[in-house]
Amino acid sequence: MTSTPDRPGDDVAPLAAADSLRLIREQQDRARAALEPDGRALYGAWGVAWLAGYLVLWASARAHGEPEPWAFWVFAGAIAAAVVFTMVHTISRTAGTRGVSARTGAMYGWSWMLGFLTFSVFLGGLARAGADGEVMALASNGGACLVVGLLYLGGATAFGDRSLFVLGAWILLVAGAATLVGLPGTYLVMALAGGGGFVVMAGVEHLRILRRRRRTDDGGGRA
């Protein structure tokens, strides 16, 4: 019994199917990336805000014994800008989703505003209770880190992001260390360890995305 030779078109269908699967997988990855918050943008925004804001506070405190009022305004503006950016970015990125994903993104975005609004009221209560300047400074710095760290831990749970959990834990550790150092060293620790941690995580996230794209391209080439 003689076997019939393979015809030229016998392997066309498997190749076409493999290419189709690869294209579908790439489109799904792009769609998922477009509907999830970009860690690089969020980490970068907070890294710049903390580096700039806390370095201004530290420089002003070294020069005048304690930060000047304008330095606090610069810091508050930097943090407010980072909060607004986080809310807008998270809500806009998840606006195209429906159901649980949409609700999760919206609730996480609004949690930032609610967290810092409540924290501002908390600081006002401390001031009315007669807390002195150093106590207020330490409480405002440590409390802000506490809010950010816990929100990142919550975001890690909501989005299943391990790097977000690591950063949240790091920010909480920085909060404790900076409070123990005391003024004005607190501001420098927050700027370098806190802001620097955000910048490092932005770089790590960028490298992770590049590796993911490279694996996808390599898999497409082998297909």
C-alpha atoms as a PDB file:
ATOM      1  CA  MET A   1       0.000   0.000   0.000  1.00  0.00           C
ATOM      2  CA  THR A   2       1.544   3.229  -1.073  1.00  0.00           C
ATOM      3  CA  SER A   3       1.168   6.402   0.961  1.00  0.00           C
ATOM      4  CA  THR A   4       0.098   9.539  -0.751  1.00  0.00           C
ATOM      5  CA  PRO A   5       2.612  12.378  -0.544  1.00  0.00           C
ATOM      6  CA  ASP A   6       1.728  15.380   1.567  1.00  0.00           C
ATOM      7  CA  ARG A   7       0.105  18.049  -0.429  1.00  0.00           C
ATOM      8  CA  PRO A   8       1.513  21.586  -0.268  1.00  0.00           C
ATOM      9  CA  GLY A   9      -1.570  22.929   1.487  1.00  0.00           C
ATOM     10  CA  ASP A  10      -1.771  20.302   4.239  1.00  0.00           C
ATOM     11  CA  ASP A  11      -0.002  22.480   6.857  1.00  0.00           C
ATOM     12  CA  VAL A  12      -1.658  25.748   5.857  1.00  0.00           C
ATOM     13  CA  ALA A  13      -4.644  25.246   8.162  1.00  0.00           C
ATOM     14  CA  PRO A  14      -2.557  24.565  11.324  1.00  0.00           C
ATOM     15  CA  LEU A  15      -0.369  27.604  10.596  1.00  0.00           C
ATOM     16  CA  ALA A  16      -3.401  29.789  10.008  1.00  0.00           C
ATOM     17  CA  ALA A  17      -4.981  28.579  13.248  1.00  0.00           C
ATOM     18  CA  ALA A  18      -1.790  29.289  15.198  1.00  0.00           C
ATOM     19  CA  ASP A  19      -1.556  32.789  13.738  1.00  0.00           C
ATOM     20  CA  SER A  20      -5.193  33.434  14.567  1.00  0.00           C
ATOM     21  CA  LEU A  21      -4.717  32.314  18.167  1.00  0.00           C
ATOM     22  CA  ARG A  22      -1.645  34.510  18.495  1.00  0.00           C
ATOM     23  CA  LEU A  23      -3.503  37.552  17.150  1.00  0.00           C
ATOM     24  CA  ILE A  24      -6.431  36.912  19.490  1.00  0.00           C
ATOM     25  CA  ARG A  25      -4.063  36.600  22.459  1.00  0.00           C
ATOM     26  CA  GLU A  26      -2.282  39.849  21.545  1.00  0.00           C
ATOM     27  CA  GLN A  27      -5.579  41.696  21.154  1.00  0.00           C
ATOM     28  CA  GLN A  28      -6.769  40.407  24.521  1.00  0.00           C
ATOM     29  CA  ASP A  29      -3.526  41.550  26.163  1.00  0.00           C
ATOM     30  CA  ARG A  30      -3.841  45.001  24.617  1.00  0.00           C
ATOM     31  CA  ALA A  31      -7.480  45.313  25.648  1.00  0.00           C
ATOM     32  CA  ARG A  32      -6.683  44.207  29.203  1.00  0.00           C
ATOM     33  CA  ALA A  33      -3.802  46.675  29.433  1.00  0.00           C
ATOM     34  CA  ALA A  34      -6.010  49.497  28.150  1.00  0.00           C
ATOM     35  CA  LEU A  35      -8.669  48.806  30.800  1.00  0.00           C
ATOM     36  CA  GLU A  36      -6.340  48.477  33.792  1.00  0.00           C
ATOM     37  CA  PRO A  37      -4.530  51.272  35.633  1.00  0.00           C
ATOM     38  CA  ASP A  38      -0.992  51.783  34.345  1.00  0.00           C
ATOM     39  CA  GLY A  39       1.335  51.188  37.273  1.00  0.00           C
ATOM     40  CA  ARG A  40       4.125  53.163  35.601  1.00  0.00           C
ATOM     41  CA  ALA A  41       1.972  56.285  35.472  1.00  0.00           C
ATOM     42  CA  LEU A  42       0.692  55.942  39.035  1.00  0.00           C
ATOM     43  CA  TYR A  43       4.094  55.139  40.534  1.00  0.00           C
ATOM     44  CA  GLY A  44       5.737  57.915  38.544  1.00  0.00           C
ATOM     45  CA  ALA A  45       3.178  60.521  39.622  1.00  0.00           C
ATOM     46  CA  TRP A  46       3.560  59.680  43.295  1.00  0.00           C
ATOM     47  CA  GLY A  47       7.335  59.401  43.013  1.00  0.00           C
ATOM     48  CA  VAL A  48       7.603  62.920  41.593  1.00  0.00           C
ATOM     49  CA  ALA A  49       5.120  64.287  44.146  1.00  0.00           C
ATOM     50  CA  TRP A  50       6.961  62.811  47.128  1.00  0.00           C
ATOM     51  CA  LEU A  51      10.451  63.636  45.899  1.00  0.00           C
ATOM     52  CA  ALA A  52       9.572  67.241  45.087  1.00  0.00           C
ATOM     53  CA  GLY A  53       7.263  67.894  48.043  1.00  0.00           C
ATOM     54  CA  TYR A  54       9.367  66.351  50.784  1.00  0.00           C
ATOM     55  CA  LEU A  55      12.667  67.690  49.477  1.00  0.00           C
ATOM     56  CA  VAL A  56      11.189  71.191  49.565  1.00  0.00           C
ATOM     57  CA  LEU A  57      10.082  70.636  53.166  1.00  0.00           C
ATOM     58  CA  TRP A  58      13.493  69.265  54.140  1.00  0.00           C
ATOM     59  CA  ALA A  59      15.429  72.091  52.476  1.00  0.00           C
ATOM     60  CA  SER A  60      13.197  74.727  54.079  1.00  0.00           C
ATOM     61  CA  ALA A  61      13.490  73.105  57.514  1.00  0.00           C
ATOM     62  CA  ARG A  62      17.295  72.965  57.287  1.00  0.00           C
ATOM     63  CA  ALA A  63      17.478  76.623  56.342  1.00  0.00           C
ATOM     64  CA  HIS A  64      14.949  78.005  58.840  1.00  0.00           C
ATOM     65  CA  GLY A  65      14.730  75.445  61.620  1.00  0.00           C
ATOM     66  CA  GLU A  66      11.271  74.379  60.467  1.00  0.00           C
ATOM     67  CA  PRO A  67       9.541  74.450  57.080  1.00  0.00           C
ATOM     68  CA  GLU A  68       8.232  77.772  55.869  1.00  0.00           C
ATOM     69  CA  PRO A  69       4.472  78.049  55.150  1.00  0.00           C
ATOM     70  CA  TRP A  70       5.100  78.225  51.404  1.00  0.00           C
ATOM     71  CA  ALA A  71       6.936  74.887  51.586  1.00  0.00           C
ATOM     72  CA  PHE A  72       3.846  73.238  53.039  1.00  0.00           C
ATOM     73  CA  TRP A  73       1.759  74.716  50.228  1.00  0.00           C
ATOM     74  CA  VAL A  74       4.156  73.263  47.664  1.00  0.00           C
ATOM     75  CA  PHE A  75       3.964  69.882  49.359  1.00  0.00           C
ATOM     76  CA  ALA A  76       0.164  69.989  49.634  1.00  0.00           C
ATOM     77  CA  GLY A  77      -0.126  70.937  45.964  1.00  0.00           C
ATOM     78  CA  ALA A  78       2.124  68.068  44.891  1.00  0.00           C
ATOM     79  CA  ILE A  79       0.170  65.512  46.929  1.00  0.00           C
ATOM     80  CA  ALA A  80      -3.186  66.900  45.763  1.00  0.00           C
ATOM     81  CA  ALA A  81      -2.044  66.645  42.139  1.00  0.00           C
ATOM     82  CA  ALA A  82      -1.010  63.010  42.670  1.00  0.00           C
ATOM     83  CA  VAL A  83      -4.352  62.183  44.315  1.00  0.00           C
ATOM     84  CA  VAL A  84      -6.356  63.784  41.490  1.00  0.00           C
ATOM     85  CA  PHE A  85      -4.221  62.045  38.861  1.00  0.00           C
ATOM     86  CA  THR A  86      -4.728  58.676  40.587  1.00  0.00           C
ATOM     87  CA  MET A  87      -8.501  59.158  40.707  1.00  0.00           C
ATOM     88  CA  VAL A  88      -8.843  60.329  37.117  1.00  0.00           C
ATOM     89  CA  HIS A  89      -6.475  57.706  35.724  1.00  0.00           C
ATOM     90  CA  THR A  90      -8.047  54.791  37.599  1.00  0.00           C
ATOM     91  CA  ILE A  91     -11.642  55.764  36.877  1.00  0.00           C
ATOM     92  CA  SER A  92     -10.981  56.562  33.205  1.00  0.00           C
ATOM     93  CA  ARG A  93      -9.029  53.336  32.642  1.00  0.00           C
ATOM     94  CA  THR A  94     -11.817  51.190  34.082  1.00  0.00           C
ATOM     95  CA  ALA A  95     -14.671  53.192  32.517  1.00  0.00           C
ATOM     96  CA  GLY A  96     -14.811  50.851  29.520  1.00  0.00           C
ATOM     97  CA  THR A  97     -15.453  47.808  31.694  1.00  0.00           C
ATOM     98  CA  ARG A  98     -18.747  46.643  33.127  1.00  0.00           C
ATOM     99  CA  GLY A  99     -19.949  44.849  36.189  1.00  0.00           C
ATOM    100  CA  VAL A 100     -17.532  44.017  38.970  1.00  0.00           C
ATOM    101  CA  SER A 101     -14.444  45.442  37.205  1.00  0.00           C
ATOM    102  CA  ALA A 102     -16.080  48.826  36.678  1.00  0.00           C
ATOM    103  CA  ARG A 103     -17.300  49.020  40.270  1.00  0.00           C
ATOM    104  CA  THR A 104     -13.914  47.962  41.601  1.00  0.00           C
ATOM    105  CA  GLY A 105     -12.075  50.635  39.618  1.00  0.00           C
ATOM    106  CA  ALA A 106     -14.540  53.362  40.557  1.00  0.00           C
ATOM    107  CA  MET A 107     -14.542  52.490  44.251  1.00  0.00           C
ATOM    108  CA  TYR A 108     -10.748  52.299  44.341  1.00  0.00           C
ATOM    109  CA  GLY A 109     -10.432  55.666  42.625  1.00  0.00           C
ATOM    110  CA  TRP A 110     -12.848  57.396  44.991  1.00  0.00           C
ATOM    111  CA  SER A 111     -11.199  55.746  47.991  1.00  0.00           C
ATOM    112  CA  TRP A 112      -8.207  58.030  47.490  1.00  0.00           C
ATOM    113  CA  MET A 113     -10.301  61.164  47.855  1.00  0.00           C
ATOM    114  CA  LEU A 114     -12.242  59.786  50.823  1.00  0.00           C
ATOM    115  CA  GLY A 115      -9.070  58.624  52.554  1.00  0.00           C
ATOM    116  CA  PHE A 116      -7.287  61.964  52.322  1.00  0.00           C
ATOM    117  CA  LEU A 117     -10.439  63.961  53.061  1.00  0.00           C
ATOM    118  CA  THR A 118     -10.935  62.023  56.286  1.00  0.00           C
ATOM    119  CA  PHE A 119      -7.246  62.361  57.098  1.00  0.00           C
ATOM    120  CA  SER A 120      -7.476  66.157  56.716  1.00  0.00           C
ATOM    121  CA  VAL A 121     -10.350  66.233  59.209  1.00  0.00           C
ATOM    122  CA  PHE A 122      -8.270  64.069  61.541  1.00  0.00           C
ATOM    123  CA  LEU A 123      -5.392  66.552  61.422  1.00  0.00           C
ATOM    124  CA  GLY A 124      -7.809  69.382  62.107  1.00  0.00           C
ATOM    125  CA  GLY A 125      -8.966  67.547  65.216  1.00  0.00           C
ATOM    126  CA  LEU A 126      -5.385  67.169  66.432  1.00  0.00           C
ATOM    127  CA  ALA A 127      -4.762  70.886  65.945  1.00  0.00           C
ATOM    128  CA  ARG A 128      -7.899  71.798  67.890  1.00  0.00           C
ATOM    129  CA  ALA A 129      -6.783  69.465  70.680  1.00  0.00           C
ATOM    130  CA  GLY A 130      -3.604  71.534  71.064  1.00  0.00           C
ATOM    131  CA  ALA A 131      -1.013  69.374  69.300  1.00  0.00           C
ATOM    132  CA  ASP A 132       2.224  71.312  68.813  1.00  0.00           C
ATOM    133  CA  GLY A 133       4.006  71.858  65.508  1.00  0.00           C
ATOM    134  CA  GLU A 134       6.326  68.849  65.706  1.00  0.00           C
ATOM    135  CA  VAL A 135       3.497  66.479  66.609  1.00  0.00           C
ATOM    136  CA  MET A 136       1.411  67.850  63.740  1.00  0.00           C
ATOM    137  CA  ALA A 137       4.304  67.472  61.302  1.00  0.00           C
ATOM    138  CA  LEU A 138       5.031  63.878  62.319  1.00  0.00           C
ATOM    139  CA  ALA A 139       1.329  62.966  62.329  1.00  0.00           C
ATOM    140  CA  SER A 140       0.726  64.514  58.906  1.00  0.00           C
ATOM    141  CA  ASN A 141       3.667  62.699  57.333  1.00  0.00           C
ATOM    142  CA  GLY A 142       3.137  59.344  59.002  1.00  0.00           C
ATOM    143  CA  GLY A 143      -0.616  59.489  58.499  1.00  0.00           C
ATOM    144  CA  ALA A 144      -0.309  60.321  54.802  1.00  0.00           C
ATOM    145  CA  CYS A 145       1.986  57.309  54.352  1.00  0.00           C
ATOM    146  CA  LEU A 146      -0.466  55.157  56.271  1.00  0.00           C
ATOM    147  CA  VAL A 147      -3.331  56.159  53.969  1.00  0.00           C
ATOM    148  CA  VAL A 148      -1.264  55.613  50.812  1.00  0.00           C
ATOM    149  CA  GLY A 149       0.186  52.307  51.992  1.00  0.00           C
ATOM    150  CA  LEU A 150      -3.172  50.850  52.980  1.00  0.00           C
ATOM    151  CA  LEU A 151      -4.797  52.017  49.744  1.00  0.00           C
ATOM    152  CA  TYR A 152      -2.044  50.315  47.766  1.00  0.00           C
ATOM    153  CA  LEU A 153      -2.572  47.111  49.733  1.00  0.00           C
ATOM    154  CA  GLY A 154      -6.279  47.342  48.973  1.00  0.00           C
ATOM    155  CA  GLY A 155      -5.540  48.005  45.312  1.00  0.00           C
ATOM    156  CA  ALA A 156      -3.268  44.967  45.199  1.00  0.00           C
ATOM    157  CA  THR A 157      -6.131  42.841  46.475  1.00  0.00           C
ATOM    158  CA  ALA A 158      -8.635  44.369  44.061  1.00  0.00           C
ATOM    159  CA  PHE A 159      -6.460  44.097  40.949  1.00  0.00           C
ATOM    160  CA  GLY A 160      -4.374  41.055  41.891  1.00  0.00           C
ATOM    161  CA  ASP A 161      -1.143  43.038  41.542  1.00  0.00           C
ATOM    162  CA  ARG A 162       1.761  41.664  43.586  1.00  0.00           C
ATOM    163  CA  SER A 163       4.026  44.660  42.901  1.00  0.00           C
ATOM    164  CA  LEU A 164       1.332  46.984  44.262  1.00  0.00           C
ATOM    165  CA  PHE A 165       1.273  44.954  47.468  1.00  0.00           C
ATOM    166  CA  VAL A 166       5.052  45.141  47.800  1.00  0.00           C
ATOM    167  CA  LEU A 167       5.005  48.909  47.334  1.00  0.00           C
ATOM    168  CA  GLY A 168       2.194  49.329  49.870  1.00  0.00           C
ATOM    169  CA  ALA A 169       4.125  47.343  52.446  1.00  0.00           C
ATOM    170  CA  TRP A 170       7.274  49.386  51.720  1.00  0.00           C
ATOM    171  CA  ILE A 171       5.423  52.678  52.182  1.00  0.00           C
ATOM    172  CA  LEU A 172       4.107  51.524  55.559  1.00  0.00           C
ATOM    173  CA  LEU A 173       7.648  50.631  56.655  1.00  0.00           C
ATOM    174  CA  VAL A 174       8.882  54.034  55.471  1.00  0.00           C
ATOM    175  CA  ALA A 175       6.136  55.722  57.503  1.00  0.00           C
ATOM    176  CA  GLY A 176       7.291  54.017  60.678  1.00  0.00           C
ATOM    177  CA  ALA A 177      10.989  54.693  60.065  1.00  0.00           C
ATOM    178  CA  ALA A 178      10.462  58.340  59.125  1.00  0.00           C
ATOM    179  CA  THR A 179       8.414  58.987  62.267  1.00  0.00           C
ATOM    180  CA  LEU A 180      11.138  57.513  64.481  1.00  0.00           C
ATOM    181  CA  VAL A 181      13.876  59.609  62.836  1.00  0.00           C
ATOM    182  CA  GLY A 182      12.257  62.892  63.847  1.00  0.00           C
ATOM    183  CA  LEU A 183      12.371  66.295  62.204  1.00  0.00           C
ATOM    184  CA  PRO A 184      13.820  67.414  59.839  1.00  0.00           C
ATOM    185  CA  GLY A 185      15.246  64.018  58.908  1.00  0.00           C
ATOM    186  CA  THR A 186      11.685  62.735  58.514  1.00  0.00           C
ATOM    187  CA  TYR A 187      11.297  64.750  55.334  1.00  0.00           C
ATOM    188  CA  LEU A 188      14.510  63.402  53.823  1.00  0.00           C
ATOM    189  CA  VAL A 189      13.576  59.791  54.587  1.00  0.00           C
ATOM    190  CA  MET A 190      10.156  60.332  53.032  1.00  0.00           C
ATOM    191  CA  ALA A 191      11.672  61.914  49.929  1.00  0.00           C
ATOM    192  CA  LEU A 192      14.417  59.368  49.283  1.00  0.00           C
ATOM    193  CA  ALA A 193      12.933  56.130  50.647  1.00  0.00           C
ATOM    194  CA  GLY A 194       9.298  56.937  49.906  1.00  0.00           C
ATOM    195  CA  GLY A 195       9.552  58.892  46.672  1.00  0.00           C
ATOM    196  CA  GLY A 196      12.532  56.856  45.541  1.00  0.00           C
ATOM    197  CA  GLY A 197      10.567  53.662  46.170  1.00  0.00           C
ATOM    198  CA  PHE A 198       7.827  54.874  43.842  1.00  0.00           C
ATOM    199  CA  VAL A 199      10.347  55.723  41.127  1.00  0.00           C
ATOM    200  CA  VAL A 200      12.027  52.317  41.449  1.00  0.00           C
ATOM    201  CA  MET A 201       8.669  50.564  41.171  1.00  0.00           C
ATOM    202  CA  ALA A 202       7.842  52.585  38.054  1.00  0.00           C
ATOM    203  CA  GLY A 203      11.062  51.313  36.488  1.00  0.00           C
ATOM    204  CA  VAL A 204      10.349  47.729  37.585  1.00  0.00           C
ATOM    205  CA  GLU A 205       6.859  47.904  36.120  1.00  0.00           C
ATOM    206  CA  HIS A 206       8.231  49.238  32.834  1.00  0.00           C
ATOM    207  CA  LEU A 207      10.751  46.393  32.600  1.00  0.00           C
ATOM    208  CA  ARG A 208       8.030  43.866  33.374  1.00  0.00           C
ATOM    209  CA  ILE A 209       5.876  45.215  30.535  1.00  0.00           C
ATOM    210  CA  LEU A 210       8.836  45.103  28.145  1.00  0.00           C
ATOM    211  CA  ARG A 211       9.552  41.477  29.065  1.00  0.00           C
ATOM    212  CA  ARG A 212       5.907  40.572  28.567  1.00  0.00           C
ATOM    213  CA  ARG A 213       5.882  42.169  25.128  1.00  0.00           C
ATOM    214  CA  ARG A 214       9.137  40.445  24.211  1.00  0.00           C
ATOM    215  CA  ARG A 215       7.738  37.063  25.197  1.00  0.00           C
ATOM    216  CA  THR A 216       4.637  37.748  23.111  1.00  0.00           C
ATOM    217  CA  ASP A 217       6.743  38.750  20.099  1.00  0.00           C
ATOM    218  CA  ASP A 218       8.995  35.713  20.477  1.00  0.00           C
ATOM    219  CA  GLY A 219       6.001  33.435  20.730  1.00  0.00           C
ATOM    220  CA  GLY A 220       4.522  35.024  17.620  1.00  0.00           C
ATOM    221  CA  GLY A 221       7.759  34.567  15.737  1.00  0.00           C
ATOM    222  CA  ARG A 222       7.973  30.892  16.683  1.00  0.00           C
ATOM    223  CA  ALA A 223       4.357  30.390  15.714  1.00  0.00           C
END
